[in-house]
Amino acid sequence: MKKAELIKVGISVGDLNGIGTEIILKTFEDPRMLEFCTPVIFASIKTMSFFKKHFDSPVNFHGINEVNQIVEGKVNVLNVWKENPNIEFGKEDNEIGQLAVKSLEKATEALKNDAVDVLVTAPINKLTIQSDTFKFPGHTNYLAKELGGTSLMFMVTDELKVGLLTDHVPVKDVSNHITSKLIAEKVETVYKSLVQDFRINKPRIAILGINPHAGDNGVIGEEDDKVVRPTLEKIRDKGKLVYGPYSADSFFGSKNYKNFDAVIASYHDQGLIPFKTITFGEGVNYTAGLSKVRTSPDHGTAFEIAGKGKADESSFKEAVFMAIKIFNNRKEYKKLSKNPLKHASKKI
């Protein structure tokens, strides 16, 4: 019987002055990782060799110039650039930022062409990636354009999953962005992701209110009563188990989140502060709703500890495992959905 091919994990290196390369190296220092996947790092052999020496890492690289040269059982490094960048740990550098973009663009191209199966992205610096040709606030927006679909920042662990109605939006603009249409779209994206990516047949989803105490019957804002509640009623009428809006201040502390398969927060910090407090080091940032699978760790570049060997690779390693799990779940879902009658008849 032919041995099944391991899932090819494309890895963009992020900001080279941050902790990205350190957590990548630490993840693949464990040789057992190569039993789960075939990693492909989009950078350059020279650059990765610098980090290998700096961190005294035992990881051995297999340098390649084309994606058709990927070798199973090796930590592949695809040469994306020839220059030898000046690494200054902890420093914001536009040239380093553009290398992060090159890595991301090449990895995304490989993902679109099925040369790799999933994408795991190391942290970028949102300021230094900006240029005349790259004007995205982060990975999510760029990947939504390149891969198609309705993207949603979905922070996930096995126990807690938090999606966002709005992500990188200033707090003063949040209520203006939240419309009945947006809520319906985000609920649909989360619902579909729970079914096909996490194999939850009848998801239960909680929605957090926009205002303190979910508006307190209009005393602290009318958006929850005029926009959120009526929209959720319409969604429930269509058969989805969607509840809320819940007062965000007590929702997590009371452990109410454990009654649901996912929580949708109104804005970035409302959802991510409790998520990272509960799960830090284990959480994964998953971009739901795309045609391909992309994950990343739940932290940033951590310039303050870059180059010191202190970075914790746990979240990056979880991001690799989560990408593999979701890829397999999607594959199984497509198989079952292709001919549901055929599969149902087998169970009778």
C-alpha atoms as a PDB file:
ATOM      1  CA  MET A   1       0.000   0.000   0.000  1.00  0.00           C
ATOM      2  CA  LYS A   2       1.328   3.415  -0.971  1.00  0.00           C
ATOM      3  CA  LYS A   3       2.259   5.608   1.976  1.00  0.00           C
ATOM      4  CA  ALA A   4       0.115   8.756   2.245  1.00  0.00           C
ATOM      5  CA  GLU A   5       1.976  11.994   1.616  1.00  0.00           C
ATOM      6  CA  LEU A   6       2.479  14.244   4.609  1.00  0.00           C
ATOM      7  CA  ILE A   7       0.745  17.614   4.602  1.00  0.00           C
ATOM      8  CA  LYS A   8       3.039  20.335   3.261  1.00  0.00           C
ATOM      9  CA  VAL A   9       3.085  23.287   5.664  1.00  0.00           C
ATOM     10  CA  GLY A  10       4.146  26.573   4.069  1.00  0.00           C
ATOM     11  CA  ILE A  11       5.716  28.965   6.590  1.00  0.00           C
ATOM     12  CA  SER A  12       6.201  32.697   6.100  1.00  0.00           C
ATOM     13  CA  VAL A  13       8.956  33.995   8.391  1.00  0.00           C
ATOM     14  CA  GLY A  14       7.401  37.304   9.451  1.00  0.00           C
ATOM     15  CA  ASP A  15       9.591  40.122  10.743  1.00  0.00           C
ATOM     16  CA  LEU A  16      13.182  38.898  10.912  1.00  0.00           C
ATOM     17  CA  ASN A  17      13.950  41.347  13.738  1.00  0.00           C
ATOM     18  CA  GLY A  18      11.255  39.739  15.871  1.00  0.00           C
ATOM     19  CA  ILE A  19      10.873  36.262  17.384  1.00  0.00           C
ATOM     20  CA  GLY A  20       9.452  34.547  14.263  1.00  0.00           C
ATOM     21  CA  THR A  21      12.553  32.637  13.192  1.00  0.00           C
ATOM     22  CA  GLU A  22      13.294  31.610  16.779  1.00  0.00           C
ATOM     23  CA  ILE A  23       9.875  30.003  17.303  1.00  0.00           C
ATOM     24  CA  ILE A  24      10.108  28.320  13.875  1.00  0.00           C
ATOM     25  CA  LEU A  25      13.498  26.815  14.765  1.00  0.00           C
ATOM     26  CA  LYS A  26      12.352  25.718  18.232  1.00  0.00           C
ATOM     27  CA  THR A  27       9.247  24.076  16.752  1.00  0.00           C
ATOM     28  CA  PHE A  28      11.244  21.927  14.335  1.00  0.00           C
ATOM     29  CA  GLU A  29      14.042  21.091  16.764  1.00  0.00           C
ATOM     30  CA  ASP A  30      11.687  18.302  17.771  1.00  0.00           C
ATOM     31  CA  PRO A  31      12.341  15.666  15.050  1.00  0.00           C
ATOM     32  CA  ARG A  32       8.892  14.147  15.646  1.00  0.00           C
ATOM     33  CA  MET A  33       7.353  17.172  13.909  1.00  0.00           C
ATOM     34  CA  LEU A  34       8.565  15.737  10.602  1.00  0.00           C
ATOM     35  CA  GLU A  35       6.331  12.717  11.223  1.00  0.00           C
ATOM     36  CA  PHE A  36       3.287  15.024  11.090  1.00  0.00           C
ATOM     37  CA  CYS A  37       4.156  17.361   8.238  1.00  0.00           C
ATOM     38  CA  THR A  38       6.664  18.555   5.662  1.00  0.00           C
ATOM     39  CA  PRO A  39       7.674  22.149   6.482  1.00  0.00           C
ATOM     40  CA  VAL A  40       8.588  24.657   3.773  1.00  0.00           C
ATOM     41  CA  ILE A  41      10.069  27.918   5.076  1.00  0.00           C
ATOM     42  CA  PHE A  42       9.894  30.828   2.628  1.00  0.00           C
ATOM     43  CA  ALA A  43      13.093  32.848   3.238  1.00  0.00           C
ATOM     44  CA  SER A  44      16.656  32.035   2.209  1.00  0.00           C
ATOM     45  CA  ILE A  45      19.234  29.465   3.278  1.00  0.00           C
ATOM     46  CA  LYS A  46      21.757  32.203   4.135  1.00  0.00           C
ATOM     47  CA  THR A  47      19.280  34.045   6.335  1.00  0.00           C
ATOM     48  CA  MET A  48      18.036  30.928   8.128  1.00  0.00           C
ATOM     49  CA  SER A  49      21.630  29.749   8.633  1.00  0.00           C
ATOM     50  CA  PHE A  50      22.352  33.036  10.427  1.00  0.00           C
ATOM     51  CA  PHE A  51      19.515  32.318  12.875  1.00  0.00           C
ATOM     52  CA  LYS A  52      20.551  28.675  13.247  1.00  0.00           C
ATOM     53  CA  LYS A  53      24.025  29.824  14.302  1.00  0.00           C
ATOM     54  CA  HIS A  54      22.741  32.653  16.507  1.00  0.00           C
ATOM     55  CA  PHE A  55      20.380  30.386  18.451  1.00  0.00           C
ATOM     56  CA  ASP A  56      22.733  27.387  18.300  1.00  0.00           C
ATOM     57  CA  SER A  57      19.897  25.340  16.824  1.00  0.00           C
ATOM     58  CA  PRO A  58      20.344  21.687  15.792  1.00  0.00           C
ATOM     59  CA  VAL A  59      17.856  22.051  12.906  1.00  0.00           C
ATOM     60  CA  ASN A  60      19.289  21.098   9.521  1.00  0.00           C
ATOM     61  CA  PHE A  61      17.877  22.771   6.424  1.00  0.00           C
ATOM     62  CA  HIS A  62      17.275  21.500   2.915  1.00  0.00           C
ATOM     63  CA  GLY A  63      17.688  24.447   0.550  1.00  0.00           C
ATOM     64  CA  ILE A  64      15.524  24.594  -2.580  1.00  0.00           C
ATOM     65  CA  ASN A  65      14.922  27.126  -5.346  1.00  0.00           C
ATOM     66  CA  GLU A  66      11.587  25.772  -6.646  1.00  0.00           C
ATOM     67  CA  VAL A  67       8.550  24.302  -4.891  1.00  0.00           C
ATOM     68  CA  ASN A  68       8.806  21.120  -6.951  1.00  0.00           C
ATOM     69  CA  GLN A  69      12.056  20.365  -5.087  1.00  0.00           C
ATOM     70  CA  ILE A  70      10.366  19.949  -1.686  1.00  0.00           C
ATOM     71  CA  VAL A  71      11.613  16.801   0.102  1.00  0.00           C
ATOM     72  CA  GLU A  72       9.620  14.928   2.731  1.00  0.00           C
ATOM     73  CA  GLY A  73      11.414  14.349   6.026  1.00  0.00           C
ATOM     74  CA  LYS A  74      13.414  17.579   5.679  1.00  0.00           C
ATOM     75  CA  VAL A  75      13.016  21.148   6.912  1.00  0.00           C
ATOM     76  CA  ASN A  76      12.850  22.758   3.487  1.00  0.00           C
ATOM     77  CA  VAL A  77      13.896  26.378   2.954  1.00  0.00           C
ATOM     78  CA  LEU A  78      12.823  27.936  -0.336  1.00  0.00           C
ATOM     79  CA  ASN A  79      15.126  30.767  -1.408  1.00  0.00           C
ATOM     80  CA  VAL A  80      12.916  33.827  -1.830  1.00  0.00           C
ATOM     81  CA  TRP A  81      15.651  36.474  -1.770  1.00  0.00           C
ATOM     82  CA  LYS A  82      19.386  36.625  -2.460  1.00  0.00           C
ATOM     83  CA  GLU A  83      20.339  39.634  -0.346  1.00  0.00           C
ATOM     84  CA  ASN A  84      21.965  39.178   3.047  1.00  0.00           C
ATOM     85  CA  PRO A  85      19.812  41.337   5.356  1.00  0.00           C
ATOM     86  CA  ASN A  86      21.226  43.212   8.321  1.00  0.00           C
ATOM     87  CA  ILE A  87      19.458  41.702  11.332  1.00  0.00           C
ATOM     88  CA  GLU A  88      19.024  44.058  14.295  1.00  0.00           C
ATOM     89  CA  PHE A  89      16.821  42.318  16.815  1.00  0.00           C
ATOM     90  CA  GLY A  90      14.023  44.439  18.235  1.00  0.00           C
ATOM     91  CA  LYS A  91      14.314  47.206  15.658  1.00  0.00           C
ATOM     92  CA  GLU A  92      11.594  48.399  13.276  1.00  0.00           C
ATOM     93  CA  ASP A  93      13.147  48.328   9.798  1.00  0.00           C
ATOM     94  CA  ASN A  94      11.333  48.931   6.522  1.00  0.00           C
ATOM     95  CA  GLU A  95      13.766  46.778   4.523  1.00  0.00           C
ATOM     96  CA  ILE A  96      13.199  43.884   6.917  1.00  0.00           C
ATOM     97  CA  GLY A  97       9.454  44.534   6.617  1.00  0.00           C
ATOM     98  CA  GLN A  98       9.630  44.162   2.843  1.00  0.00           C
ATOM     99  CA  LEU A  99      11.367  40.800   3.213  1.00  0.00           C
ATOM    100  CA  ALA A 100       8.447  39.715   5.419  1.00  0.00           C
ATOM    101  CA  VAL A 101       6.133  40.719   2.567  1.00  0.00           C
ATOM    102  CA  LYS A 102       8.225  38.786   0.014  1.00  0.00           C
ATOM    103  CA  SER A 103       8.040  35.689   2.204  1.00  0.00           C
ATOM    104  CA  LEU A 104       4.269  36.041   2.621  1.00  0.00           C
ATOM    105  CA  GLU A 105       3.628  36.669  -1.071  1.00  0.00           C
ATOM    106  CA  LYS A 106       5.717  33.683  -2.190  1.00  0.00           C
ATOM    107  CA  ALA A 107       4.131  31.402   0.407  1.00  0.00           C
ATOM    108  CA  THR A 108       0.637  32.551  -0.598  1.00  0.00           C
ATOM    109  CA  GLU A 109       1.425  31.918  -4.254  1.00  0.00           C
ATOM    110  CA  ALA A 110       2.507  28.372  -3.380  1.00  0.00           C
ATOM    111  CA  LEU A 111      -0.689  27.888  -1.365  1.00  0.00           C
ATOM    112  CA  LYS A 112      -2.866  29.085  -4.241  1.00  0.00           C
ATOM    113  CA  ASN A 113      -1.091  26.707  -6.621  1.00  0.00           C
ATOM    114  CA  ASP A 114      -1.394  23.739  -4.208  1.00  0.00           C
ATOM    115  CA  ALA A 115       2.393  23.460  -3.917  1.00  0.00           C
ATOM    116  CA  VAL A 116       1.810  23.611  -0.152  1.00  0.00           C
ATOM    117  CA  ASP A 117      -1.383  22.496   1.590  1.00  0.00           C
ATOM    118  CA  VAL A 118      -1.654  25.030   4.421  1.00  0.00           C
ATOM    119  CA  LEU A 119      -0.007  28.285   5.469  1.00  0.00           C
ATOM    120  CA  VAL A 120       1.340  29.159   8.924  1.00  0.00           C
ATOM    121  CA  THR A 121       2.487  32.752   9.297  1.00  0.00           C
ATOM    122  CA  ALA A 122       5.024  34.062  11.803  1.00  0.00           C
ATOM    123  CA  PRO A 123       4.293  37.541  13.248  1.00  0.00           C
ATOM    124  CA  ILE A 124       4.790  40.677  11.130  1.00  0.00           C
ATOM    125  CA  ASN A 125       5.194  44.333  12.055  1.00  0.00           C
ATOM    126  CA  LYS A 126       2.160  46.117  10.611  1.00  0.00           C
ATOM    127  CA  LEU A 127       4.085  49.376  10.124  1.00  0.00           C
ATOM    128  CA  THR A 128       7.162  48.117   8.282  1.00  0.00           C
ATOM    129  CA  ILE A 129       5.225  45.963   5.795  1.00  0.00           C
ATOM    130  CA  GLN A 130       3.518  49.029   4.305  1.00  0.00           C
ATOM    131  CA  SER A 131       4.587  50.192   0.836  1.00  0.00           C
ATOM    132  CA  ASP A 132       3.157  51.563  -2.407  1.00  0.00           C
ATOM    133  CA  THR A 133       2.351  48.001  -3.484  1.00  0.00           C
ATOM    134  CA  PHE A 134       1.383  46.508  -0.110  1.00  0.00           C
ATOM    135  CA  LYS A 135      -1.223  48.544   1.784  1.00  0.00           C
ATOM    136  CA  PHE A 136      -2.882  45.947   3.978  1.00  0.00           C
ATOM    137  CA  PRO A 137      -3.189  46.340   7.774  1.00  0.00           C
ATOM    138  CA  GLY A 138      -2.247  42.701   8.263  1.00  0.00           C
ATOM    139  CA  HIS A 139      -2.294  39.100   7.073  1.00  0.00           C
ATOM    140  CA  THR A 140      -6.077  38.676   7.172  1.00  0.00           C
ATOM    141  CA  ASN A 141      -6.917  41.450   4.718  1.00  0.00           C
ATOM    142  CA  TYR A 142      -4.173  40.448   2.295  1.00  0.00           C
ATOM    143  CA  LEU A 143      -5.151  36.787   2.310  1.00  0.00           C
ATOM    144  CA  ALA A 144      -8.834  37.633   1.846  1.00  0.00           C
ATOM    145  CA  LYS A 145      -7.904  39.449  -1.373  1.00  0.00           C
ATOM    146  CA  GLU A 146      -5.609  36.694  -2.621  1.00  0.00           C
ATOM    147  CA  LEU A 147      -7.579  33.614  -1.622  1.00  0.00           C
ATOM    148  CA  GLY A 148     -11.177  34.792  -1.835  1.00  0.00           C
ATOM    149  CA  GLY A 149     -13.980  34.233   0.636  1.00  0.00           C
ATOM    150  CA  THR A 150     -15.356  36.125   3.615  1.00  0.00           C
ATOM    151  CA  SER A 151     -12.411  36.298   5.993  1.00  0.00           C
ATOM    152  CA  LEU A 152     -12.845  36.348   9.749  1.00  0.00           C
ATOM    153  CA  MET A 153     -10.276  36.485  12.538  1.00  0.00           C
ATOM    154  CA  PHE A 154     -11.056  33.371  14.565  1.00  0.00           C
ATOM    155  CA  MET A 155      -9.007  32.789  17.714  1.00  0.00           C
ATOM    156  CA  VAL A 156      -9.208  29.110  18.563  1.00  0.00           C
ATOM    157  CA  THR A 157      -8.241  26.348  20.957  1.00  0.00           C
ATOM    158  CA  ASP A 158      -9.986  23.020  21.481  1.00  0.00           C
ATOM    159  CA  GLU A 159     -11.927  24.555  24.397  1.00  0.00           C
ATOM    160  CA  LEU A 160     -12.556  28.169  23.330  1.00  0.00           C
ATOM    161  CA  LYS A 161     -13.211  29.815  19.956  1.00  0.00           C
ATOM    162  CA  VAL A 162     -13.685  33.566  19.585  1.00  0.00           C
ATOM    163  CA  GLY A 163     -14.581  35.352  16.345  1.00  0.00           C
ATOM    164  CA  LEU A 164     -14.847  39.088  15.764  1.00  0.00           C
ATOM    165  CA  LEU A 165     -17.489  41.268  14.113  1.00  0.00           C
ATOM    166  CA  THR A 166     -14.840  43.968  13.618  1.00  0.00           C
ATOM    167  CA  ASP A 167     -11.104  43.443  13.993  1.00  0.00           C
ATOM    168  CA  HIS A 168      -8.600  46.245  13.303  1.00  0.00           C
ATOM    169  CA  VAL A 169     -11.139  49.073  13.627  1.00  0.00           C
ATOM    170  CA  PRO A 170     -10.703  52.045  16.003  1.00  0.00           C
ATOM    171  CA  VAL A 171     -13.022  51.748  19.018  1.00  0.00           C
ATOM    172  CA  LYS A 172     -14.739  55.047  18.166  1.00  0.00           C
ATOM    173  CA  ASP A 173     -15.854  53.580  14.798  1.00  0.00           C
ATOM    174  CA  VAL A 174     -16.971  50.129  15.971  1.00  0.00           C
ATOM    175  CA  SER A 175     -20.721  50.796  16.303  1.00  0.00           C
ATOM    176  CA  ASN A 176     -20.852  52.413  12.851  1.00  0.00           C
ATOM    177  CA  HIS A 177     -19.350  49.288  11.281  1.00  0.00           C
ATOM    178  CA  ILE A 178     -21.740  46.821  12.909  1.00  0.00           C
ATOM    179  CA  THR A 179     -24.808  46.387  10.728  1.00  0.00           C
ATOM    180  CA  SER A 180     -27.420  43.667  10.413  1.00  0.00           C
ATOM    181  CA  LYS A 181     -25.731  42.549   7.183  1.00  0.00           C
ATOM    182  CA  LEU A 182     -22.300  42.307   8.846  1.00  0.00           C
ATOM    183  CA  ILE A 183     -23.662  40.303  11.783  1.00  0.00           C
ATOM    184  CA  ALA A 184     -25.418  37.864   9.441  1.00  0.00           C
ATOM    185  CA  GLU A 185     -22.243  37.429   7.353  1.00  0.00           C
ATOM    186  CA  LYS A 186     -19.975  36.837  10.343  1.00  0.00           C
ATOM    187  CA  VAL A 187     -22.394  34.394  11.978  1.00  0.00           C
ATOM    188  CA  GLU A 188     -22.595  32.466   8.705  1.00  0.00           C
ATOM    189  CA  THR A 189     -18.781  32.362   8.417  1.00  0.00           C
ATOM    190  CA  VAL A 190     -18.354  31.146  12.004  1.00  0.00           C
ATOM    191  CA  TYR A 191     -21.168  28.615  11.624  1.00  0.00           C
ATOM    192  CA  LYS A 192     -19.729  27.191   8.401  1.00  0.00           C
ATOM    193  CA  SER A 193     -16.233  27.039   9.893  1.00  0.00           C
ATOM    194  CA  LEU A 194     -17.460  25.177  12.980  1.00  0.00           C
ATOM    195  CA  VAL A 195     -19.191  22.608  10.765  1.00  0.00           C
ATOM    196  CA  GLN A 196     -16.532  22.012   8.098  1.00  0.00           C
ATOM    197  CA  ASP A 197     -13.318  22.931   9.913  1.00  0.00           C
ATOM    198  CA  PHE A 198     -14.068  21.660  13.428  1.00  0.00           C
ATOM    199  CA  ARG A 199     -16.708  18.971  12.703  1.00  0.00           C
ATOM    200  CA  ILE A 200     -19.393  20.404  15.012  1.00  0.00           C
ATOM    201  CA  ASN A 201     -22.724  19.374  13.516  1.00  0.00           C
ATOM    202  CA  LYS A 202     -25.129  21.804  15.241  1.00  0.00           C
ATOM    203  CA  PRO A 203     -23.050  24.711  16.563  1.00  0.00           C
ATOM    204  CA  ARG A 204     -24.186  26.906  19.436  1.00  0.00           C
ATOM    205  CA  ILE A 205     -22.932  30.477  19.012  1.00  0.00           C
ATOM    206  CA  ALA A 206     -22.997  33.347  21.533  1.00  0.00           C
ATOM    207  CA  ILE A 207     -22.868  37.016  20.495  1.00  0.00           C
ATOM    208  CA  LEU A 208     -21.490  39.663  22.853  1.00  0.00           C
ATOM    209  CA  GLY A 209     -23.165  43.062  23.071  1.00  0.00           C
ATOM    210  CA  ILE A 210     -21.654  46.212  21.617  1.00  0.00           C
ATOM    211  CA  ASN A 211     -22.251  48.396  24.678  1.00  0.00           C
ATOM    212  CA  PRO A 212     -21.640  47.813  28.399  1.00  0.00           C
ATOM    213  CA  HIS A 213     -24.369  45.494  29.768  1.00  0.00           C
ATOM    214  CA  ALA A 214     -25.516  45.009  26.145  1.00  0.00           C
ATOM    215  CA  GLY A 215     -27.025  48.509  26.269  1.00  0.00           C
ATOM    216  CA  ASP A 216     -29.012  47.999  29.491  1.00  0.00           C
ATOM    217  CA  ASN A 217     -32.359  48.294  27.673  1.00  0.00           C
ATOM    218  CA  GLY A 218     -31.260  51.415  25.826  1.00  0.00           C
ATOM    219  CA  VAL A 219     -29.842  53.264  28.839  1.00  0.00           C
ATOM    220  CA  ILE A 220     -26.235  52.763  27.624  1.00  0.00           C
ATOM    221  CA  GLY A 221     -26.742  52.870  23.862  1.00  0.00           C
ATOM    222  CA  GLU A 222     -29.420  51.611  21.491  1.00  0.00           C
ATOM    223  CA  GLU A 223     -27.342  49.558  19.041  1.00  0.00           C
ATOM    224  CA  ASP A 224     -27.840  46.246  20.851  1.00  0.00           C
ATOM    225  CA  ASP A 225     -31.630  46.584  20.890  1.00  0.00           C
ATOM    226  CA  LYS A 226     -32.050  48.117  17.445  1.00  0.00           C
ATOM    227  CA  VAL A 227     -29.417  46.172  15.468  1.00  0.00           C
ATOM    228  CA  VAL A 228     -28.118  43.084  17.263  1.00  0.00           C
ATOM    229  CA  ARG A 229     -31.258  41.572  18.851  1.00  0.00           C
ATOM    230  CA  PRO A 230     -33.520  41.792  15.768  1.00  0.00           C
ATOM    231  CA  THR A 231     -30.770  40.337  13.570  1.00  0.00           C
ATOM    232  CA  LEU A 232     -30.211  37.384  15.888  1.00  0.00           C
ATOM    233  CA  GLU A 233     -33.962  36.699  15.961  1.00  0.00           C
ATOM    234  CA  LYS A 234     -34.011  36.499  12.155  1.00  0.00           C
ATOM    235  CA  ILE A 235     -31.020  34.142  12.165  1.00  0.00           C
ATOM    236  CA  ARG A 236     -32.671  31.922  14.793  1.00  0.00           C
ATOM    237  CA  ASP A 237     -35.827  31.790  12.683  1.00  0.00           C
ATOM    238  CA  LYS A 238     -33.724  30.093  10.008  1.00  0.00           C
ATOM    239  CA  GLY A 239     -32.721  27.326  12.409  1.00  0.00           C
ATOM    240  CA  LYS A 240     -29.308  28.400  13.678  1.00  0.00           C
ATOM    241  CA  LEU A 241     -28.596  28.251  17.418  1.00  0.00           C
ATOM    242  CA  VAL A 242     -27.412  31.834  17.928  1.00  0.00           C
ATOM    243  CA  TYR A 243     -27.891  33.581  21.270  1.00  0.00           C
ATOM    244  CA  GLY A 244     -27.319  37.030  22.763  1.00  0.00           C
ATOM    245  CA  PRO A 245     -26.363  39.751  22.966  1.00  0.00           C
ATOM    246  CA  TYR A 246     -24.615  38.936  26.232  1.00  0.00           C
ATOM    247  CA  SER A 247     -22.997  41.422  28.567  1.00  0.00           C
ATOM    248  CA  ALA A 248     -19.277  41.044  27.817  1.00  0.00           C
ATOM    249  CA  ASP A 249     -17.976  41.966  31.269  1.00  0.00           C
ATOM    250  CA  SER A 250     -19.243  38.830  33.025  1.00  0.00           C
ATOM    251  CA  PHE A 251     -19.508  36.392  30.134  1.00  0.00           C
ATOM    252  CA  PHE A 252     -16.035  34.858  30.431  1.00  0.00           C
ATOM    253  CA  GLY A 253     -15.552  35.176  34.199  1.00  0.00           C
ATOM    254  CA  SER A 254     -18.804  33.309  34.797  1.00  0.00           C
ATOM    255  CA  LYS A 255     -17.593  30.497  32.505  1.00  0.00           C
ATOM    256  CA  ASN A 256     -20.707  31.007  30.348  1.00  0.00           C
ATOM    257  CA  TYR A 257     -18.509  30.587  27.255  1.00  0.00           C
ATOM    258  CA  LYS A 258     -18.296  26.868  28.057  1.00  0.00           C
ATOM    259  CA  ASN A 259     -21.960  26.523  27.067  1.00  0.00           C
ATOM    260  CA  PHE A 260     -21.165  27.472  23.465  1.00  0.00           C
ATOM    261  CA  ASP A 261     -19.069  26.197  20.582  1.00  0.00           C
ATOM    262  CA  ALA A 262     -17.980  29.731  19.647  1.00  0.00           C
ATOM    263  CA  VAL A 263     -18.307  33.315  20.805  1.00  0.00           C
ATOM    264  CA  ILE A 264     -18.508  36.328  18.501  1.00  0.00           C
ATOM    265  CA  ALA A 265     -17.241  39.575  20.023  1.00  0.00           C
ATOM    266  CA  SER A 266     -18.135  43.030  18.726  1.00  0.00           C
ATOM    267  CA  TYR A 267     -14.586  44.334  18.514  1.00  0.00           C
ATOM    268  CA  HIS A 268     -10.934  43.349  18.812  1.00  0.00           C
ATOM    269  CA  ASP A 269     -10.126  43.807  22.503  1.00  0.00           C
ATOM    270  CA  GLN A 270     -13.556  42.709  23.727  1.00  0.00           C
ATOM    271  CA  GLY A 271     -12.808  39.253  22.360  1.00  0.00           C
ATOM    272  CA  LEU A 272      -9.027  38.987  22.383  1.00  0.00           C
ATOM    273  CA  ILE A 273      -8.299  40.168  25.931  1.00  0.00           C
ATOM    274  CA  PRO A 274     -10.311  37.356  27.557  1.00  0.00           C
ATOM    275  CA  PHE A 275      -9.191  34.847  24.915  1.00  0.00           C
ATOM    276  CA  LYS A 276      -5.498  35.509  25.482  1.00  0.00           C
ATOM    277  CA  THR A 277      -5.954  35.674  29.253  1.00  0.00           C
ATOM    278  CA  ILE A 278      -7.558  32.234  29.307  1.00  0.00           C
ATOM    279  CA  THR A 279      -5.472  30.506  26.636  1.00  0.00           C
ATOM    280  CA  PHE A 280      -2.163  32.390  26.255  1.00  0.00           C
ATOM    281  CA  GLY A 281       0.511  30.165  24.726  1.00  0.00           C
ATOM    282  CA  GLU A 282      -2.065  27.674  23.472  1.00  0.00           C
ATOM    283  CA  GLY A 283      -4.225  29.893  21.272  1.00  0.00           C
ATOM    284  CA  VAL A 284      -4.125  30.006  17.496  1.00  0.00           C
ATOM    285  CA  ASN A 285      -5.183  32.800  15.160  1.00  0.00           C
ATOM    286  CA  TYR A 286      -7.118  31.107  12.358  1.00  0.00           C
ATOM    287  CA  THR A 287      -8.448  32.983   9.325  1.00  0.00           C
ATOM    288  CA  ALA A 288     -11.851  31.382   8.841  1.00  0.00           C
ATOM    289  CA  GLY A 289     -13.901  31.729   5.673  1.00  0.00           C
ATOM    290  CA  LEU A 290     -11.073  31.480   3.148  1.00  0.00           C
ATOM    291  CA  SER A 291     -10.675  28.913   0.369  1.00  0.00           C
ATOM    292  CA  LYS A 292      -7.409  27.747   1.995  1.00  0.00           C
ATOM    293  CA  VAL A 293      -6.204  27.119   5.543  1.00  0.00           C
ATOM    294  CA  ARG A 294      -4.069  29.748   7.284  1.00  0.00           C
ATOM    295  CA  THR A 295      -3.094  29.868  10.951  1.00  0.00           C
ATOM    296  CA  SER A 296      -0.645  31.857  13.056  1.00  0.00           C
ATOM    297  CA  PRO A 297       0.396  32.125  16.724  1.00  0.00           C
ATOM    298  CA  ASP A 298      -1.723  34.323  18.983  1.00  0.00           C
ATOM    299  CA  HIS A 299       1.084  36.836  19.661  1.00  0.00           C
ATOM    300  CA  GLY A 300       3.108  39.490  17.863  1.00  0.00           C
ATOM    301  CA  THR A 301       6.769  40.096  17.015  1.00  0.00           C
ATOM    302  CA  ALA A 302       7.790  40.519  20.699  1.00  0.00           C
ATOM    303  CA  PHE A 303      10.657  42.869  19.821  1.00  0.00           C
ATOM    304  CA  GLU A 304      11.493  43.252  23.528  1.00  0.00           C
ATOM    305  CA  ILE A 305      12.779  39.649  23.749  1.00  0.00           C
ATOM    306  CA  ALA A 306      13.857  39.110  20.130  1.00  0.00           C
ATOM    307  CA  GLY A 307      17.231  37.430  19.702  1.00  0.00           C
ATOM    308  CA  LYS A 308      17.513  36.466  23.376  1.00  0.00           C
ATOM    309  CA  GLY A 309      16.426  32.855  23.058  1.00  0.00           C
ATOM    310  CA  LYS A 310      13.523  33.436  25.453  1.00  0.00           C
ATOM    311  CA  ALA A 311      10.606  33.087  23.015  1.00  0.00           C
ATOM    312  CA  ASP A 312       8.004  30.398  23.718  1.00  0.00           C
ATOM    313  CA  GLU A 313       7.181  28.376  20.601  1.00  0.00           C
ATOM    314  CA  SER A 314       4.025  26.754  22.062  1.00  0.00           C
ATOM    315  CA  SER A 315       1.525  28.883  20.144  1.00  0.00           C
ATOM    316  CA  PHE A 316       3.402  28.517  16.847  1.00  0.00           C
ATOM    317  CA  LYS A 317       3.562  24.742  17.289  1.00  0.00           C
ATOM    318  CA  GLU A 318      -0.178  24.726  18.056  1.00  0.00           C
ATOM    319  CA  ALA A 319      -0.731  26.765  14.885  1.00  0.00           C
ATOM    320  CA  VAL A 320       1.029  24.049  12.854  1.00  0.00           C
ATOM    321  CA  PHE A 321      -1.043  21.279  14.448  1.00  0.00           C
ATOM    322  CA  MET A 322      -4.271  23.269  14.083  1.00  0.00           C
ATOM    323  CA  ALA A 323      -3.616  23.894  10.384  1.00  0.00           C
ATOM    324  CA  ILE A 324      -3.095  20.155   9.837  1.00  0.00           C
ATOM    325  CA  LYS A 325      -6.241  19.304  11.809  1.00  0.00           C
ATOM    326  CA  ILE A 326      -8.418  21.796   9.921  1.00  0.00           C
ATOM    327  CA  PHE A 327      -7.020  20.670   6.559  1.00  0.00           C
ATOM    328  CA  ASN A 328      -7.925  17.062   7.355  1.00  0.00           C
ATOM    329  CA  ASN A 329     -11.365  18.041   8.690  1.00  0.00           C
ATOM    330  CA  ARG A 330     -12.132  20.021   5.521  1.00  0.00           C
ATOM    331  CA  LYS A 331     -11.007  17.114   3.383  1.00  0.00           C
ATOM    332  CA  GLU A 332     -13.303  14.744   5.272  1.00  0.00           C
ATOM    333  CA  TYR A 333     -16.201  17.240   5.150  1.00  0.00           C
ATOM    334  CA  LYS A 334     -15.889  17.601   1.369  1.00  0.00           C
ATOM    335  CA  LYS A 335     -15.808  13.852   1.009  1.00  0.00           C
ATOM    336  CA  LEU A 336     -18.964  13.409   3.090  1.00  0.00           C
ATOM    337  CA  SER A 337     -20.747  16.343   1.443  1.00  0.00           C
ATOM    338  CA  LYS A 338     -19.992  15.202  -2.083  1.00  0.00           C
ATOM    339  CA  ASN A 339     -22.463  12.334  -1.914  1.00  0.00           C
ATOM    340  CA  PRO A 340     -24.366  12.465   1.420  1.00  0.00           C
ATOM    341  CA  LEU A 341     -26.947   9.856   0.321  1.00  0.00           C
ATOM    342  CA  LYS A 342     -24.220   7.330  -0.419  1.00  0.00           C
ATOM    343  CA  HIS A 343     -22.651   7.785   3.022  1.00  0.00           C
ATOM    344  CA  ALA A 344     -26.044   7.769   4.750  1.00  0.00           C
ATOM    345  CA  SER A 345     -26.997   4.498   3.105  1.00  0.00           C
ATOM    346  CA  LYS A 346     -23.879   2.849   4.497  1.00  0.00           C
ATOM    347  CA  LYS A 347     -25.023   3.637   8.036  1.00  0.00           C
ATOM    348  CA  ILE A 348     -28.480   2.087   7.564  1.00  0.00           C
END
